């Protein structure tokens, strides 16, 4: 070390004696030591001023370097993750400042020649033996983000040990550690931090978002990817979103959470599923439901998935994201990832809720006197004195229904083994009496790290459920319970004197609605076992081989029994019993090889390749019997006449080759390409293979020099994608020529039953293919408090599978061919904001989407759908029009002179017929939106979710029956304003028996279907940790939730979301549909 100083000079020895020389040397040494001390004193006496909160230690050291001009050197990595909760030093010496900064982290320092060298203190370097005197203590604390919001599920680990735990919902934790230990605290989307235990009481840890949570890893096709690097249109829903809405139905929890994903409830029955459309309807005759992937295994059955087991859901909306699923990705792909065990202490969580539901709206119908008056008016006369009842059938059929749900999970693990186990039971009664569903589920996820290069795991689920169904959506038939509630005569009670069910006095075959829920047994028993096993093998440092086998086994049994004595239809047939069985088995083998490498710190490359094979078997059988002499035996063998024996089997298989390449340069320029080749047995041998490529590119402008230093912008990225995907959701033998029974012939003068070809073979049948372009913009600003995602897209589906009419001379009525095309285009906007972040925390998520569809070429034909009994179809599919527009007469109101409905005569020929029909409505909404707000103040939480659509029409076919006034049925109170005298001005025509002219399909029954609904609101409270720790409880919270609390709409029916028909071409039609329920739930969550 070289020291220079102007203090003191070296003496010159003029004496020759040794003694004098020694004296001089002593003096020289004394002066040199004094000079050295003076230099050191001046160095350490430099003053520094430091101020900041929750600052990174590295940033503070940079400031010290700036003020002192001293270099700062440290052992590798020891200061990188450390943060200083608060520093406020004014003109203190460098020595003192460094001591105050570094001592809490068990670090010390030396200053050598204009360099500050930081190293671990001797305490931190002691061995376990030397630390034997450390006192083990229970360390408590809280982990939150810079916005003040508690971080749930953050990992808190004692460094270099297996001791670990996870933070609770309120961000608090408790862990055993020694006074000299360091705690490593980490969470997905945040920068990990090391915090020393020594000398600290209650720890308040603030984690910094890792570049706007952009480093958060989300699930994509065949792997994971950092959110910031995603180039496709992908929406994600996390487990926290499911926590806000307790439900047994995954679809309910996803409603309105993703722009461009339309999730609706066509019916209020608890066992009914959801209608899910990703960026519109993409087919006319093939399936339009998205492909679901649960832990890597494809499925179409998601009803039995327990939402409490779900970690995240990723929705792949554009073709570039979904192209790696090729032939099954045309309708979008929804990736469901379930929870897995985490390293740390075992956690036992118990939760449950109970509540009730009731119909949100009742419909008013005529009472006894009003009904008798109407019947007399149309000439339907009876001895009304015999019928003294005045029954409100809504009160007899609907009920306040109970629901309950119980959950238990156990999770934990260590560095080698991690586990997640769960069990759940739910019992939900429908608002219609006897309607219910009971479900039990069990799940196990295991992960085992065998050694440094091999890890294995499994996901196994079992579900069993029973539901007692009721029939709705059957219009005016003898089985539609909801329609019968509205149209059954109020003059009768429930039972006759002999215990049989009553019927309309004007039509004895028309039983009251209670007969259709109590007079029959209508139940399903379902079992499903599914899961996967997998192995990951690290062949080289950056090369991984993954092999997975997936399996799904489902079986269902349906039992039906109609009492032979209590109902009219039962008496006619002397009872009916039906037994149906359905079984399916699916397996998947998937093998992939993935390579990842970073070159020269700026080039990052990922390559994936693999092969998958799939096979699915299906089998069903059904038999029916009649002629029961008693109700003692209510199964098929109790009947004396056996009818309708049906059996069917099917098999389909696929083999696929997949590939993907991702490249990024300097985190600014990103490229990705996917490819999949699929071969499927469901298509003709001439077109069995389909090829589905995609390409995407992104430019992160925020990394460019002209924006890099703009502190308000955290991330700014433009992305574009193009890709092709297919649709294989058709029957297993669609390309085959089918031979069917029922074609008779004459032999020897006798008619002989035979079989013959019913559909022609088509060996050229191929995939419906969708090509999609997507342009997107991702923005994160204001210290990650505000994020935007904007997408515009165009999607064209070609080679639609349609039945093309053939000439009668061919011997067939039609053939399935690839002859159509359909287009969807639109835009999507998602905004997330952290509005308040201090004592009151307020976060908002908003999404908005517009989708327009248009039917292209479909062979010049018109396709009609949505048949209304005694009328015609209401939905039209025609070239150049939106899908499923309403088709009928334009109503001009009631003629005051005659009381009859007037319809527009388009061709002025003096008569109203099919030539006068026109477009009378459009069920496709102009836009859809969802708004979610979360508030938290201290231990209280409040969230509410608004969802709505606008610009769509609903065809209220229920009104055809309740305002038609042409037969014996009861009617809506609206008919009290019916036409009764010449010159009367009204919008309700006259009553006329046997004439359906006034209730033809017309614009009279088209209504505005726009609505805004408070879908969910939850108020919660988390009990203080100080109280729970005394009870050995980790976490305890309770909540109150309301579902479907209110709806703002002009629609007059039960619910504007209803849709009686489940096909692609007929939707937005309400025809005796089961109404939505309003629910209120109270629940408790308890964790040990």
Foldseek 3Di string as FASTA:
>chain_A
DDDDDPQDDQDDDPDDDPVSVVVSVVVNVVRVVVRVVVVVCVLQLAWDWDWDAFAQPVVVVVRVCVRNVAAEAEDPPLRGFATDGIDGDDGDGPQVVQCVPCVQSQKDWDDDDRYIYIYHHPLLVDDCVVCVVFDKDKAKEFEEAPLQQGDFFKKKDFPPDLAIDGAHNRRMDITIDTQATWIWIGDQQWRIHIGHNHPDHYDYHYTAGPLLSQQGWDDFPPGIDRNQFDFAQKDKDFLVLCVQPPDQAPLLSCDFRHWQWHWFDQFAFPPDHIDIFRQAAFFFPFDQDAWEAEVRRTDDDDSQPGSNFWGMKMKGRFFQRQCLVFARDPRTYIYTYGDWADRHDKKKKKKKWKWKWFFPDDFFFDWQVVLQVLCVVQPLDDPLVVQAFGDQLCVVFFDTWMKMKIKIWIWHHGPFKTKIKMKMWIKTAGRTPPWIKIKIKIKMKMKGDPDPFKIKIKIKMKMKMKTWDADALPFPDQGHLLLLSRWFRRRHDQADPVGAGAAQPSDRQRGHSVCNNPQKTKMKIKIKIWMKMKMWGPPDPFKIKMKMKIKIKMKMKIWMKGCCPRHPVSVVQVIKIKIKMKIKIKMKIKIKMKGWDDDPNFKIKIKMKIKMKMKMKMKMWMKMATQAPHPPDRHRVRHDGIDDTDIDIFMKMKMKIKIKMWMGGNSFKIKIKIKMWMAMQQAAPVARIDIKIKIKIKGWPCPDPVNVPVQFWSTKMKMKMKIKHWHPRDDSHQQAFDKDWDDWDDDPNDIDTDIDTAEHHHNHQYTWMKIKIKIKMWTAGDSSFKIKIKMWMKMKTFQHFDWAADDVVVVYGTYTTRWWMKMKIWMKMWMKGFDHRDLKTKIKIKMKMFMFMFTATDPQDKDFDCQDPPAGGQFIHGHGDTFTFGKAWAWPFAQLAALATDTDDVVPPPDDDNVRMDGQFAQHFRMWMKMKMWIDHDFKIKIWMKIWTFDHKAQALSQLSQQQLAASIIHGPQCVQGRDDRRDDDRRGRHHHPDSRRSHRYSSRIDTLTKMFRAKMKMKGKDDPVVVVVVVWSTKMKMKMKGRPDMDDPDPDSHQSHFSDDGSRGGSYHRRHHHHMIMMMIMMMTMD
